[in-house]
C-alpha cells in the first residue's frame, strides 16, 4: 500500500522495458509524467498520473481518479482538485470521455466544459476527444489500456484517445487524425504524438481469437505485433500497434514518442487491471491547449 505522506512526491525509478526513457517526471511538486516532445511544442500542457500524490487508501492508494471503483467520492474529488492545481485551472474546465472500448471520438467545444466532473455528460460511448479550444482539459482514463496524445502545432488543435485492444484494432488513433483533418485542417505530417504508459507485450497475453482480429487488422505485421506461446495464447504489442496506426494515418515515425513504461510491470507506481486482478483505481491522461 502506498502511504499518504509527503513521500508521495518523490521521484522513484520505473522498471522500464526499453531505452527510450519516456515519459519523464515533470518538473513540479506534483508527481506527473510528461513527454518532452509534447512539452517542447510550447503549445500544450499535458501529463499522465501515477498512483502517487493523492488521498485515496488501501488498494486505491493514493491518486485514484475513478468514481466507480469503490472509493469515497470526497477522496476522488480531492484527487482531481490536485490534478487541476497542477494544470493551474479549475475542475470545471475538465472534459471526460465515456469509455466503453469503442472507436468513437467527440469534437469538444466550450459548451462541454466540466462534463463528467462538475456536471453530467450528455453523450455516451466516447473513447476519444479532440478540440481547438484553449483551456479545456481533455481527460482519458486507463489502467493498462493505451492513452494516445496528438498535438497539431500548425493549426493549434489537440486530440487524446483511450485505445484498448478493441479501439486499437479499430484504429482509433487513425480516426482521431482523420477527424482533426476534417475539423481543423490538420496535416498528419505536422502532428506530434505520444503513446503513453500502458501494458507491455511481455505482460499482455491474449486469446487466439483476439490475435486473429489483429492479424486481420495489421496484415503482414504479425511478427511485429504478436508472438505465440505453446498454450495457444499470444503476446500482443499494443505499443507497436499504436505506432503502426499513427504511421498508417501519415504521422512520421520520428514524430511519435513511444513509452517504455509498463503499467503491469510497475504495480506499486501505476494502476494495472491485470496485475491487481481488477482491484485497482484509474490513472489519468490529460491534454490542454495553453
C-alpha atoms as a PDB file:
ATOM      1  CA  UNK A   1       0.000   0.000   0.000  1.00  0.00           C
ATOM      2  CA  UNK A   2       1.236   3.491  -0.846  1.00  0.00           C
ATOM      3  CA  UNK A   3       1.290   5.726   2.195  1.00  0.00           C
ATOM      4  CA  UNK A   4      -0.389   9.117   2.055  1.00  0.00           C
ATOM      5  CA  UNK A   5       2.598  11.251   3.060  1.00  0.00           C
ATOM      6  CA  UNK A   6       4.897  13.825   1.548  1.00  0.00           C
ATOM      7  CA  UNK A   7       6.987  10.869   0.412  1.00  0.00           C
ATOM      8  CA  UNK A   8       4.448  10.526  -2.410  1.00  0.00           C
ATOM      9  CA  UNK A   9       6.128  13.476  -4.131  1.00  0.00           C
ATOM     10  CA  UNK A  10       9.480  11.711  -4.518  1.00  0.00           C
ATOM     11  CA  UNK A  11      10.645  10.587  -7.927  1.00  0.00           C
ATOM     12  CA  UNK A  12      11.060   6.804  -7.805  1.00  0.00           C
ATOM     13  CA  UNK A  13      12.528   4.839 -10.690  1.00  0.00           C
ATOM     14  CA  UNK A  14      10.305   2.833 -13.007  1.00  0.00           C
ATOM     15  CA  UNK A  15      11.095  -0.618 -14.300  1.00  0.00           C
ATOM     16  CA  UNK A  16      11.395   0.209 -17.982  1.00  0.00           C
ATOM     17  CA  UNK A  17      11.001  -2.063 -20.989  1.00  0.00           C
ATOM     18  CA  UNK A  18      13.409  -0.297 -23.321  1.00  0.00           C
ATOM     19  CA  UNK A  19      15.845   2.556 -23.733  1.00  0.00           C
ATOM     20  CA  UNK A  20      13.588   5.403 -24.853  1.00  0.00           C
ATOM     21  CA  UNK A  21      13.307   6.684 -21.262  1.00  0.00           C
ATOM     22  CA  UNK A  22       9.985   8.435 -21.895  1.00  0.00           C
ATOM     23  CA  UNK A  23       7.882   9.739 -20.381  1.00  0.00           C
ATOM     24  CA  UNK A  24       9.844  11.538 -17.672  1.00  0.00           C
ATOM     25  CA  UNK A  25       8.910  13.157 -14.375  1.00  0.00           C
ATOM     26  CA  UNK A  26       7.555  16.680 -14.742  1.00  0.00           C
ATOM     27  CA  UNK A  27       9.498  19.464 -13.075  1.00  0.00           C
ATOM     28  CA  UNK A  28       6.818  20.118 -10.472  1.00  0.00           C
ATOM     29  CA  UNK A  29       5.988  19.345  -6.873  1.00  0.00           C
ATOM     30  CA  UNK A  30       3.094  17.164  -8.024  1.00  0.00           C
ATOM     31  CA  UNK A  31       4.136  13.731  -9.394  1.00  0.00           C
ATOM     32  CA  UNK A  32       3.201  13.769 -13.084  1.00  0.00           C
ATOM     33  CA  UNK A  33       4.777  12.080 -16.118  1.00  0.00           C
ATOM     34  CA  UNK A  34       5.289  14.070 -19.315  1.00  0.00           C
ATOM     35  CA  UNK A  35       6.660  13.586 -22.827  1.00  0.00           C
ATOM     36  CA  UNK A  36       9.429  16.080 -23.684  1.00  0.00           C
ATOM     37  CA  UNK A  37       8.390  16.180 -27.364  1.00  0.00           C
ATOM     38  CA  UNK A  38       4.916  17.411 -26.426  1.00  0.00           C
ATOM     39  CA  UNK A  39       6.243  19.933 -23.925  1.00  0.00           C
ATOM     40  CA  UNK A  40       8.694  21.300 -26.482  1.00  0.00           C
ATOM     41  CA  UNK A  41       5.866  22.358 -28.792  1.00  0.00           C
ATOM     42  CA  UNK A  42       5.179  25.193 -26.337  1.00  0.00           C
ATOM     43  CA  UNK A  43       1.521  24.769 -27.255  1.00  0.00           C
ATOM     44  CA  UNK A  44       0.168  22.410 -24.601  1.00  0.00           C
ATOM     45  CA  UNK A  45       0.285  21.285 -21.027  1.00  0.00           C
ATOM     46  CA  UNK A  46      -0.174  17.585 -20.510  1.00  0.00           C
ATOM     47  CA  UNK A  47       0.516  14.747 -18.158  1.00  0.00           C
ATOM     48  CA  UNK A  48      -0.017  11.155 -17.130  1.00  0.00           C
ATOM     49  CA  UNK A  49      -0.701  10.450 -13.477  1.00  0.00           C
ATOM     50  CA  UNK A  50       0.738   7.754 -11.242  1.00  0.00           C
ATOM     51  CA  UNK A  51      -0.519   6.247  -8.000  1.00  0.00           C
ATOM     52  CA  UNK A  52       1.334   8.965  -6.112  1.00  0.00           C
ATOM     53  CA  UNK A  53       0.184  12.290  -4.725  1.00  0.00           C
ATOM     54  CA  UNK A  54      -3.435  11.639  -3.710  1.00  0.00           C
ATOM     55  CA  UNK A  55      -5.560  10.855  -0.670  1.00  0.00           C
ATOM     56  CA  UNK A  56      -7.206   7.521  -1.547  1.00  0.00           C
ATOM     57  CA  UNK A  57      -6.329   4.493   0.565  1.00  0.00           C
ATOM     58  CA  UNK A  58      -5.680   0.765   0.536  1.00  0.00           C
ATOM     59  CA  UNK A  59      -5.738  -0.813  -2.940  1.00  0.00           C
ATOM     60  CA  UNK A  60      -6.856   2.553  -4.377  1.00  0.00           C
ATOM     61  CA  UNK A  61      -3.933   4.445  -2.895  1.00  0.00           C
ATOM     62  CA  UNK A  62      -3.322   7.126  -3.485  1.00  0.00           C
ATOM     63  CA  UNK A  63      -4.291   9.110  -6.629  1.00  0.00           C
ATOM     64  CA  UNK A  64      -7.321   7.139  -7.775  1.00  0.00           C
ATOM     65  CA  UNK A  65      -9.249   9.027 -10.483  1.00  0.00           C
ATOM     66  CA  UNK A  66     -12.305   6.784 -10.739  1.00  0.00           C
ATOM     67  CA  UNK A  67     -15.687   7.361  -9.095  1.00  0.00           C
ATOM     68  CA  UNK A  68     -16.756   3.776  -9.876  1.00  0.00           C
ATOM     69  CA  UNK A  69     -14.078   1.623  -8.202  1.00  0.00           C
ATOM     70  CA  UNK A  70     -15.410   1.805  -4.642  1.00  0.00           C
ATOM     71  CA  UNK A  71     -13.584   4.932  -3.492  1.00  0.00           C
ATOM     72  CA  UNK A  72     -15.134   7.669  -1.360  1.00  0.00           C
ATOM     73  CA  UNK A  73     -16.377  10.479  -3.600  1.00  0.00           C
ATOM     74  CA  UNK A  74     -14.651  13.124  -1.497  1.00  0.00           C
ATOM     75  CA  UNK A  75     -11.330  11.354  -1.992  1.00  0.00           C
ATOM     76  CA  UNK A  76     -11.692  11.267  -5.771  1.00  0.00           C
ATOM     77  CA  UNK A  77     -12.749  14.913  -5.889  1.00  0.00           C
ATOM     78  CA  UNK A  78      -9.743  15.923  -3.797  1.00  0.00           C
ATOM     79  CA  UNK A  79      -7.510  13.941  -6.158  1.00  0.00           C
ATOM     80  CA  UNK A  80      -8.972  15.809  -9.131  1.00  0.00           C
ATOM     81  CA  UNK A  81      -8.550  19.107  -7.296  1.00  0.00           C
ATOM     82  CA  UNK A  82      -4.827  18.342  -7.054  1.00  0.00           C
ATOM     83  CA  UNK A  83      -4.633  17.484 -10.756  1.00  0.00           C
ATOM     84  CA  UNK A  84      -6.441  20.746 -11.567  1.00  0.00           C
ATOM     85  CA  UNK A  85      -3.960  22.627  -9.398  1.00  0.00           C
ATOM     86  CA  UNK A  86      -1.105  21.070 -11.363  1.00  0.00           C
ATOM     87  CA  UNK A  87      -2.625  22.475 -14.566  1.00  0.00           C
ATOM     88  CA  UNK A  88      -3.350  25.810 -12.857  1.00  0.00           C
ATOM     89  CA  UNK A  89      -7.031  25.516 -13.697  1.00  0.00           C
ATOM     90  CA  UNK A  90     -10.438  24.660 -12.221  1.00  0.00           C
ATOM     91  CA  UNK A  91     -12.247  21.326 -12.200  1.00  0.00           C
ATOM     92  CA  UNK A  92     -14.954  22.971 -14.311  1.00  0.00           C
ATOM     93  CA  UNK A  93     -12.519  23.037 -17.259  1.00  0.00           C
ATOM     94  CA  UNK A  94     -12.131  19.245 -17.496  1.00  0.00           C
ATOM     95  CA  UNK A  95     -13.946  17.199 -20.158  1.00  0.00           C
ATOM     96  CA  UNK A  96     -14.255  13.430 -19.695  1.00  0.00           C
ATOM     97  CA  UNK A  97     -14.617  10.574 -22.133  1.00  0.00           C
ATOM     98  CA  UNK A  98     -17.320   7.927 -21.563  1.00  0.00           C
ATOM     99  CA  UNK A  99     -15.155   4.917 -22.242  1.00  0.00           C
ATOM    100  CA  UNK A 100     -16.775   1.731 -23.497  1.00  0.00           C
ATOM    101  CA  UNK A 101     -13.929   0.448 -25.709  1.00  0.00           C
ATOM    102  CA  UNK A 102     -15.311   1.982 -28.887  1.00  0.00           C
ATOM    103  CA  UNK A 103     -13.513   3.987 -31.545  1.00  0.00           C
ATOM    104  CA  UNK A 104     -15.948   6.911 -31.217  1.00  0.00           C
ATOM    105  CA  UNK A 105     -14.406  10.390 -30.899  1.00  0.00           C
ATOM    106  CA  UNK A 106     -16.137  13.621 -29.861  1.00  0.00           C
ATOM    107  CA  UNK A 107     -15.348  17.123 -31.048  1.00  0.00           C
ATOM    108  CA  UNK A 108     -15.166  19.143 -27.826  1.00  0.00           C
ATOM    109  CA  UNK A 109     -16.278  22.780 -27.629  1.00  0.00           C
ATOM    110  CA  UNK A 110     -16.575  25.350 -24.866  1.00  0.00           C
ATOM    111  CA  UNK A 111     -20.087  24.049 -24.176  1.00  0.00           C
ATOM    112  CA  UNK A 112     -18.558  20.749 -22.989  1.00  0.00           C
ATOM    113  CA  UNK A 113     -16.523  22.281 -20.151  1.00  0.00           C
ATOM    114  CA  UNK A 114     -16.951  20.346 -16.924  1.00  0.00           C
ATOM    115  CA  UNK A 115     -18.782  17.387 -18.426  1.00  0.00           C
ATOM    116  CA  UNK A 116     -18.046  14.249 -16.459  1.00  0.00           C
ATOM    117  CA  UNK A 117     -16.594  16.004 -13.412  1.00  0.00           C
ATOM    118  CA  UNK A 118     -18.611  19.057 -12.370  1.00  0.00           C
ATOM    119  CA  UNK A 119     -21.717  18.346 -14.441  1.00  0.00           C
ATOM    120  CA  UNK A 120     -23.255  15.356 -16.220  1.00  0.00           C
ATOM    121  CA  UNK A 121     -22.242  14.237 -19.687  1.00  0.00           C
ATOM    122  CA  UNK A 122     -24.909  14.432 -22.382  1.00  0.00           C
ATOM    123  CA  UNK A 123     -23.064  11.916 -24.567  1.00  0.00           C
ATOM    124  CA  UNK A 124     -22.162   8.240 -24.258  1.00  0.00           C
ATOM    125  CA  UNK A 125     -19.729   5.713 -25.711  1.00  0.00           C
ATOM    126  CA  UNK A 126     -16.926   8.171 -26.435  1.00  0.00           C
ATOM    127  CA  UNK A 127     -13.331   6.950 -26.176  1.00  0.00           C
ATOM    128  CA  UNK A 128     -11.592   9.960 -27.710  1.00  0.00           C
ATOM    129  CA  UNK A 129     -11.737  13.745 -27.669  1.00  0.00           C
ATOM    130  CA  UNK A 130     -10.424  16.462 -29.998  1.00  0.00           C
ATOM    131  CA  UNK A 131     -10.559  20.239 -29.650  1.00  0.00           C
ATOM    132  CA  UNK A 132      -9.067  23.571 -30.682  1.00  0.00           C
ATOM    133  CA  UNK A 133     -10.438  25.435 -27.642  1.00  0.00           C
ATOM    134  CA  UNK A 134      -7.727  26.670 -25.258  1.00  0.00           C
ATOM    135  CA  UNK A 135      -8.128  25.808 -21.601  1.00  0.00           C
ATOM    136  CA  UNK A 136     -10.269  22.686 -21.929  1.00  0.00           C
ATOM    137  CA  UNK A 137      -8.558  19.733 -20.243  1.00  0.00           C
ATOM    138  CA  UNK A 138      -9.151  16.624 -22.351  1.00  0.00           C
ATOM    139  CA  UNK A 139      -9.273  13.632 -19.988  1.00  0.00           C
ATOM    140  CA  UNK A 140      -8.826   9.902 -20.625  1.00  0.00           C
ATOM    141  CA  UNK A 141      -8.568   7.146 -18.000  1.00  0.00           C
ATOM    142  CA  UNK A 142      -6.605   3.906 -18.081  1.00  0.00           C
ATOM    143  CA  UNK A 143      -5.283   1.013 -16.041  1.00  0.00           C
ATOM    144  CA  UNK A 144      -3.427  -0.938 -18.777  1.00  0.00           C
ATOM    145  CA  UNK A 145      -5.002   0.474 -21.957  1.00  0.00           C
ATOM    146  CA  UNK A 146      -3.104   2.927 -24.120  1.00  0.00           C
ATOM    147  CA  UNK A 147      -3.539   6.715 -23.977  1.00  0.00           C
ATOM    148  CA  UNK A 148      -2.573   8.395 -27.250  1.00  0.00           C
ATOM    149  CA  UNK A 149      -1.781  12.128 -27.336  1.00  0.00           C
ATOM    150  CA  UNK A 150      -1.968  14.156 -30.575  1.00  0.00           C
ATOM    151  CA  UNK A 151      -0.796  17.763 -30.960  1.00  0.00           C
ATOM    152  CA  UNK A 152      -1.091  19.857 -34.134  1.00  0.00           C
ATOM    153  CA  UNK A 153       1.226  22.874 -33.648  1.00  0.00           C
ATOM    154  CA  UNK A 154       0.354  24.404 -37.026  1.00  0.00           C
ATOM    155  CA  UNK A 155      -3.419  24.614 -36.515  1.00  0.00           C
ATOM    156  CA  UNK A 156      -3.421  24.710 -32.707  1.00  0.00           C
ATOM    157  CA  UNK A 157      -5.529  21.600 -32.220  1.00  0.00           C
ATOM    158  CA  UNK A 158      -5.199  18.572 -29.966  1.00  0.00           C
ATOM    159  CA  UNK A 159      -6.587  15.074 -29.508  1.00  0.00           C
ATOM    160  CA  UNK A 160      -6.493  12.439 -26.786  1.00  0.00           C
ATOM    161  CA  UNK A 161      -7.802   8.884 -27.106  1.00  0.00           C
ATOM    162  CA  UNK A 162      -8.253   5.767 -24.985  1.00  0.00           C
ATOM    163  CA  UNK A 163      -7.018   2.839 -27.052  1.00  0.00           C
ATOM    164  CA  UNK A 164      -7.765  -0.578 -25.569  1.00  0.00           C
ATOM    165  CA  UNK A 165      -7.387  -3.671 -27.700  1.00  0.00           C
ATOM    166  CA  UNK A 166     -10.739  -3.104 -29.409  1.00  0.00           C
ATOM    167  CA  UNK A 167     -10.055   0.569 -30.065  1.00  0.00           C
ATOM    168  CA  UNK A 168      -6.575  -0.276 -31.307  1.00  0.00           C
ATOM    169  CA  UNK A 169      -7.906  -2.930 -33.684  1.00  0.00           C
ATOM    170  CA  UNK A 170     -10.468  -0.393 -34.941  1.00  0.00           C
ATOM    171  CA  UNK A 171      -7.611   2.101 -35.319  1.00  0.00           C
ATOM    172  CA  UNK A 172      -8.985   4.857 -33.118  1.00  0.00           C
ATOM    173  CA  UNK A 173      -5.693   6.740 -33.450  1.00  0.00           C
ATOM    174  CA  UNK A 174      -6.112   6.986 -37.221  1.00  0.00           C
ATOM    175  CA  UNK A 175      -9.726   8.041 -36.778  1.00  0.00           C
ATOM    176  CA  UNK A 176      -8.574  10.850 -34.481  1.00  0.00           C
ATOM    177  CA  UNK A 177      -6.095  12.056 -37.107  1.00  0.00           C
ATOM    178  CA  UNK A 178      -8.802  11.971 -39.789  1.00  0.00           C
ATOM    179  CA  UNK A 179     -11.271  13.842 -37.575  1.00  0.00           C
ATOM    180  CA  UNK A 180      -8.683  16.526 -36.787  1.00  0.00           C
ATOM    181  CA  UNK A 181      -8.008  16.896 -40.507  1.00  0.00           C
ATOM    182  CA  UNK A 182     -11.706  17.418 -41.230  1.00  0.00           C
ATOM    183  CA  UNK A 183     -12.359  19.751 -38.299  1.00  0.00           C
ATOM    184  CA  UNK A 184      -9.149  21.762 -38.068  1.00  0.00           C
ATOM    185  CA  UNK A 185      -7.224  21.236 -41.303  1.00  0.00           C
ATOM    186  CA  UNK A 186      -4.624  19.098 -39.539  1.00  0.00           C
ATOM    187  CA  UNK A 187      -1.931  17.605 -41.740  1.00  0.00           C
ATOM    188  CA  UNK A 188      -0.713  14.234 -40.392  1.00  0.00           C
ATOM    189  CA  UNK A 189       2.895  15.140 -41.121  1.00  0.00           C
ATOM    190  CA  UNK A 190       2.641  18.063 -38.695  1.00  0.00           C
ATOM    191  CA  UNK A 191       1.365  16.053 -35.744  1.00  0.00           C
ATOM    192  CA  UNK A 192       3.459  15.414 -32.649  1.00  0.00           C
ATOM    193  CA  UNK A 193       2.160  12.270 -30.946  1.00  0.00           C
ATOM    194  CA  UNK A 194       2.857  10.164 -27.878  1.00  0.00           C
ATOM    195  CA  UNK A 195       1.857   6.659 -26.830  1.00  0.00           C
ATOM    196  CA  UNK A 196       1.550   6.690 -23.050  1.00  0.00           C
ATOM    197  CA  UNK A 197       2.253   4.182 -20.245  1.00  0.00           C
ATOM    198  CA  UNK A 198       0.214   1.014 -20.654  1.00  0.00           C
ATOM    199  CA  UNK A 199       0.636  -2.745 -20.622  1.00  0.00           C
ATOM    200  CA  UNK A 200       3.687  -4.105 -22.468  1.00  0.00           C
ATOM    201  CA  UNK A 201       3.943  -7.037 -24.854  1.00  0.00           C
ATOM    202  CA  UNK A 202       5.548  -9.325 -22.262  1.00  0.00           C
ATOM    203  CA  UNK A 203       2.628  -8.828 -19.868  1.00  0.00           C
ATOM    204  CA  UNK A 204      -0.272  -8.755 -22.332  1.00  0.00           C
ATOM    205  CA  UNK A 205      -1.417 -12.281 -23.067  1.00  0.00           C
ATOM    206  CA  UNK A 206      -4.441 -12.589 -25.372  1.00  0.00           C
ATOM    207  CA  UNK A 207      -6.517 -15.451 -26.702  1.00  0.00           C
ATOM    208  CA  UNK A 208      -6.265 -16.779 -30.239  1.00  0.00           C
ATOM    209  CA  UNK A 209      -9.490 -15.034 -31.279  1.00  0.00           C
ATOM    210  CA  UNK A 210      -8.100 -11.640 -30.257  1.00  0.00           C
ATOM    211  CA  UNK A 211      -4.846 -12.452 -32.043  1.00  0.00           C
ATOM    212  CA  UNK A 212      -6.839 -13.248 -35.190  1.00  0.00           C
ATOM    213  CA  UNK A 213      -8.532  -9.833 -35.025  1.00  0.00           C
ATOM    214  CA  UNK A 214      -5.114  -8.176 -35.042  1.00  0.00           C
ATOM    215  CA  UNK A 215      -3.772 -10.388 -37.792  1.00  0.00           C
ATOM    216  CA  UNK A 216      -6.628  -9.148 -39.965  1.00  0.00           C
ATOM    217  CA  UNK A 217      -6.255  -5.533 -38.863  1.00  0.00           C
ATOM    218  CA  UNK A 218      -2.477  -5.466 -39.455  1.00  0.00           C
ATOM    219  CA  UNK A 219      -1.806  -7.807 -42.387  1.00  0.00           C
ATOM    220  CA  UNK A 220       1.855  -8.520 -42.944  1.00  0.00           C
ATOM    221  CA  UNK A 221       2.780  -7.169 -39.500  1.00  0.00           C
ATOM    222  CA  UNK A 222       2.016 -10.283 -37.451  1.00  0.00           C
ATOM    223  CA  UNK A 223       5.617 -10.909 -36.397  1.00  0.00           C
ATOM    224  CA  UNK A 224       5.982  -7.303 -35.325  1.00  0.00           C
ATOM    225  CA  UNK A 225       2.910  -7.196 -33.101  1.00  0.00           C
ATOM    226  CA  UNK A 226       2.367 -10.805 -31.974  1.00  0.00           C
ATOM    227  CA  UNK A 227       4.346 -13.705 -30.596  1.00  0.00           C
ATOM    228  CA  UNK A 228       2.919 -17.140 -29.865  1.00  0.00           C
ATOM    229  CA  UNK A 229       3.048 -19.444 -26.854  1.00  0.00           C
ATOM    230  CA  UNK A 230       2.649 -23.197 -26.555  1.00  0.00           C
ATOM    231  CA  UNK A 231      -0.696 -22.970 -24.752  1.00  0.00           C
ATOM    232  CA  UNK A 232      -2.329 -21.299 -27.753  1.00  0.00           C
ATOM    233  CA  UNK A 233      -2.135 -17.827 -26.254  1.00  0.00           C
ATOM    234  CA  UNK A 234      -0.330 -14.875 -27.803  1.00  0.00           C
ATOM    235  CA  UNK A 235       1.597 -11.865 -26.544  1.00  0.00           C
ATOM    236  CA  UNK A 236       0.231  -8.662 -28.105  1.00  0.00           C
ATOM    237  CA  UNK A 237       2.283  -5.486 -28.516  1.00  0.00           C
ATOM    238  CA  UNK A 238      -0.141  -2.563 -28.210  1.00  0.00           C
ATOM    239  CA  UNK A 239       2.728  -0.054 -28.370  1.00  0.00           C
ATOM    240  CA  UNK A 240       3.799  -1.260 -31.808  1.00  0.00           C
ATOM    241  CA  UNK A 241       0.178  -1.400 -32.924  1.00  0.00           C
ATOM    242  CA  UNK A 242      -0.345   2.194 -31.808  1.00  0.00           C
ATOM    243  CA  UNK A 243       2.704   3.320 -33.747  1.00  0.00           C
ATOM    244  CA  UNK A 244       1.592   1.464 -36.875  1.00  0.00           C
ATOM    245  CA  UNK A 245      -1.868   3.031 -36.657  1.00  0.00           C
ATOM    246  CA  UNK A 246      -0.407   6.544 -36.497  1.00  0.00           C
ATOM    247  CA  UNK A 247       2.066   5.832 -39.299  1.00  0.00           C
ATOM    248  CA  UNK A 248      -0.766   4.479 -41.464  1.00  0.00           C
ATOM    249  CA  UNK A 249      -2.533   7.786 -40.864  1.00  0.00           C
ATOM    250  CA  UNK A 250       0.525   9.645 -42.199  1.00  0.00           C
ATOM    251  CA  UNK A 251       2.296  10.647 -38.984  1.00  0.00           C
ATOM    252  CA  UNK A 252       6.088  10.413 -39.454  1.00  0.00           C
ATOM    253  CA  UNK A 253       7.772   7.827 -37.235  1.00  0.00           C
ATOM    254  CA  UNK A 254      10.129  10.470 -35.853  1.00  0.00           C
ATOM    255  CA  UNK A 255       7.110  12.440 -34.598  1.00  0.00           C
ATOM    256  CA  UNK A 256       5.868   9.579 -32.401  1.00  0.00           C
ATOM    257  CA  UNK A 257       7.169   9.177 -28.841  1.00  0.00           C
ATOM    258  CA  UNK A 258       6.586   5.656 -27.502  1.00  0.00           C
ATOM    259  CA  UNK A 259       6.617   4.853 -23.816  1.00  0.00           C
ATOM    260  CA  UNK A 260       8.849   2.216 -22.286  1.00  0.00           C
ATOM    261  CA  UNK A 261       6.895   2.162 -19.001  1.00  0.00           C
ATOM    262  CA  UNK A 262       4.545  -0.782 -18.489  1.00  0.00           C
ATOM    263  CA  UNK A 263       1.651  -0.416 -16.062  1.00  0.00           C
ATOM    264  CA  UNK A 264       1.670  -4.131 -15.239  1.00  0.00           C
ATOM    265  CA  UNK A 265       5.422  -4.165 -14.531  1.00  0.00           C
ATOM    266  CA  UNK A 266       5.083  -1.230 -12.088  1.00  0.00           C
ATOM    267  CA  UNK A 267       2.058  -2.031  -9.874  1.00  0.00           C
ATOM    268  CA  UNK A 268       3.449  -0.030  -6.931  1.00  0.00           C
ATOM    269  CA  UNK A 269       3.559   3.146  -9.023  1.00  0.00           C
ATOM    270  CA  UNK A 270       0.782   2.624 -11.591  1.00  0.00           C
ATOM    271  CA  UNK A 271      -2.668   1.063 -11.510  1.00  0.00           C
ATOM    272  CA  UNK A 272      -2.867  -2.126 -13.574  1.00  0.00           C
ATOM    273  CA  UNK A 273      -6.030  -4.143 -14.111  1.00  0.00           C
ATOM    274  CA  UNK A 274      -4.081  -7.300 -14.888  1.00  0.00           C
ATOM    275  CA  UNK A 275      -1.544  -7.004 -12.093  1.00  0.00           C
ATOM    276  CA  UNK A 276      -4.250  -6.320  -9.489  1.00  0.00           C
ATOM    277  CA  UNK A 277      -6.826  -8.777 -10.895  1.00  0.00           C
ATOM    278  CA  UNK A 278      -9.273  -5.887 -11.109  1.00  0.00           C
ATOM    279  CA  UNK A 279      -8.761  -4.385  -7.629  1.00  0.00           C
ATOM    280  CA  UNK A 280      -7.437  -1.014  -8.691  1.00  0.00           C
ATOM    281  CA  UNK A 281      -8.113   2.644  -9.347  1.00  0.00           C
ATOM    282  CA  UNK A 282      -7.737   4.646 -12.548  1.00  0.00           C
ATOM    283  CA  UNK A 283      -4.830   6.598 -13.944  1.00  0.00           C
ATOM    284  CA  UNK A 284      -5.455   9.779 -15.903  1.00  0.00           C
ATOM    285  CA  UNK A 285      -4.045  11.178 -19.135  1.00  0.00           C
ATOM    286  CA  UNK A 286      -4.649  14.904 -19.668  1.00  0.00           C
ATOM    287  CA  UNK A 287      -4.008  17.335 -22.527  1.00  0.00           C
ATOM    288  CA  UNK A 288      -4.855  21.049 -22.702  1.00  0.00           C
ATOM    289  CA  UNK A 289      -4.132  23.837 -25.169  1.00  0.00           C
ATOM    290  CA  UNK A 290      -2.428  26.752 -23.467  1.00  0.00           C
END
